[in-house]
Protein backbone atom coordinates (compact mmCIF):
# COMPACT_ATOMS: atom_id res chain seq x y z
CA MET A 1 102.01 116.17 84.51
CA GLU A 2 105.26 115.54 86.35
CA SER A 3 103.76 116.30 89.78
CA GLU A 4 101.07 113.67 89.18
CA THR A 5 103.39 110.94 87.86
CA LYS A 6 105.72 110.98 90.86
CA TYR A 7 102.80 109.78 93.00
CA VAL A 8 102.04 106.69 90.88
CA ALA A 9 104.13 104.57 93.28
CA LEU A 10 102.14 105.92 96.23
CA GLU A 11 98.90 105.19 94.40
CA LYS A 12 100.01 101.59 93.72
CA PHE A 13 101.16 101.16 97.33
CA LEU A 14 97.81 102.36 98.70
CA MET A 15 95.78 100.27 96.25
CA ASP A 16 97.16 97.12 97.91
CA LYS A 17 95.83 98.19 101.30
CA THR A 18 92.31 97.70 102.69
CA GLU A 19 92.37 99.75 105.89
CA ASN A 20 93.44 103.16 107.17
CA ILE A 21 97.19 103.59 107.16
CA THR A 22 99.68 106.00 108.72
CA LEU A 23 102.90 106.72 106.85
CA THR A 24 105.74 108.91 108.01
CA PHE A 25 107.12 111.53 105.64
CA ILE A 26 110.25 109.37 105.34
CA GLU A 27 108.18 106.32 104.36
CA ILE A 28 106.36 108.34 101.68
CA ASN A 29 109.71 109.66 100.43
CA GLU A 30 110.92 106.07 100.10
CA ILE A 31 107.76 104.99 98.27
CA ILE A 32 107.83 107.84 95.74
CA GLY A 33 111.63 107.82 95.46
CA GLN A 34 112.12 111.50 96.22
CA LYS A 35 111.58 114.17 98.85
CA LEU A 36 107.94 114.72 99.69
CA PRO A 37 106.36 118.00 98.70
CA VAL A 38 102.60 117.51 99.30
CA PRO A 39 100.65 114.33 98.47
CA SER A 40 98.68 114.59 95.27
CA ASP A 41 95.02 114.39 96.22
CA SER A 42 94.10 112.86 92.87
CA ALA A 43 96.58 109.94 93.19
CA VAL A 44 95.49 109.28 96.75
CA PHE A 45 91.81 109.52 95.77
CA LYS A 46 92.28 107.16 92.80
CA ALA A 47 93.66 104.60 95.25
CA GLY A 48 90.49 104.91 97.34
CA TYR A 49 91.95 107.05 100.13
CA LYS A 50 91.79 110.61 101.40
CA VAL A 51 94.37 112.48 103.44
CA GLU A 52 92.81 112.48 106.89
CA LYS A 53 95.55 114.29 108.78
CA ILE A 54 99.06 115.59 108.28
CA ASP A 55 100.87 115.49 111.60
CA PHE A 56 103.87 117.78 111.51
CA LYS A 57 104.90 116.84 115.05
CA THR A 58 105.37 113.16 114.16
CA LYS A 59 106.08 113.97 110.50
CA SER A 60 103.44 111.53 109.28
CA VAL A 61 100.33 111.45 107.13
CA ILE A 62 97.17 109.52 108.01
CA PHE A 63 95.29 108.18 104.99
CA SER A 64 91.67 107.08 105.49
CA LYS A 65 89.99 104.57 103.21
CA ILE A 66 87.04 106.17 101.41
CA ASP A 67 83.74 104.40 102.00
CA GLN A 68 82.97 103.21 98.48
CA SER A 69 79.26 102.81 99.25
CA SER A 70 78.93 106.56 99.93
CA LYS A 71 80.39 107.42 96.48
CA ASN A 72 77.30 106.01 94.65
């Protein structure tokens, strides 16, 4: 699916991280190489994160690392 594949770069970016991270919409645009529609939950989840908050005032997204021990 095209909508899934455009988030592969975001997935790879997040996989290198170990803590919660805040990205602006512009930063996400730069990572995925195009204008941001809505983050794909499956790509974010595969990287071990969830979208914690979308802040439209600051135009940023807060990703929280999923506690891997609670997934078992």
